[in-house]
Amino acid sequence: HGRVCMLAVLGMLVPEVITLPGREFSAIAAHDAGVTSGAMSQMLLWIGILETVALIGTMQMLNGSGRKPGDFGFDPLNFGTGKDAVRLQVAEIKNGRLAMLAFSGMITGAALSGNGFPFIYS
């Protein structure tokens, strides 16, 4: 959840700073446009497929394979090895927790105020 929320916070901030011509949406308006165009259904389909594939690794972990949660075996820069590996894992967990709180606040502020960044009433 932490990794997803880190991407979600980025996805809330970047469109407020960088806009494409003809695509000036707030976060809530972009969500509503995605729902009406059917893009959210497509996202649900692909995320569902991804979660189904990830379920295989989860089942292996629960059956005692020695696999750790969140370890998908993808580490091209070798951050998971060496003396800083534990520190980086703790930093990722802490940043993920902060991102979960940040995204919760951002989406609540955007829904209540109807405004974009900085998500406050005007």
Foldseek 3Di string as FASTA:
>chain_A
DLVVLVVVVVVQPVCVPDPDVPGNDHPVRVVVVCVVVVVVVVVVVVVVVVVVVVVVVVVCVVVPVPDDPPCPVDDPPPCCDDDCNVVVVVVSVVSSVVSVVVSVVQVVLCVVQVDGPVSHHD
